[in-house]
Amino acid sequence: MAREQASIDPDMGYKKPRGHAKGGAGTYSLDDMKNEDRDPVWSAHYDEGSDQIFYYNRVTNTSVWEKPEDFDGYEIMTGS
């Protein structure tokens, strides 16, 4: 899997990937969050500029627009 160039989002502190965003959204419940016994590697973040979600890997410090196959974080909904 090729790494994408990323830029730091000053509002979030996370790196969002460059290029055109591709969509997809979901939801999570508070019960899901309470039952989690470890910190997920991946997290989902909303980018207002593109109205899309990007995914950040805290271990590798990389981010991508497309949802990773091994995504273990919480789904979020887009702002639209």
Foldseek 3Di string as FASTA:
>chain_A
DDAADWDQDVVPRATEGDDAADADFDADDVVVVVPDPDDWQKDWDADPVRQHIKIAGNVVSGIGRDDDPPGDYGTHGTPD
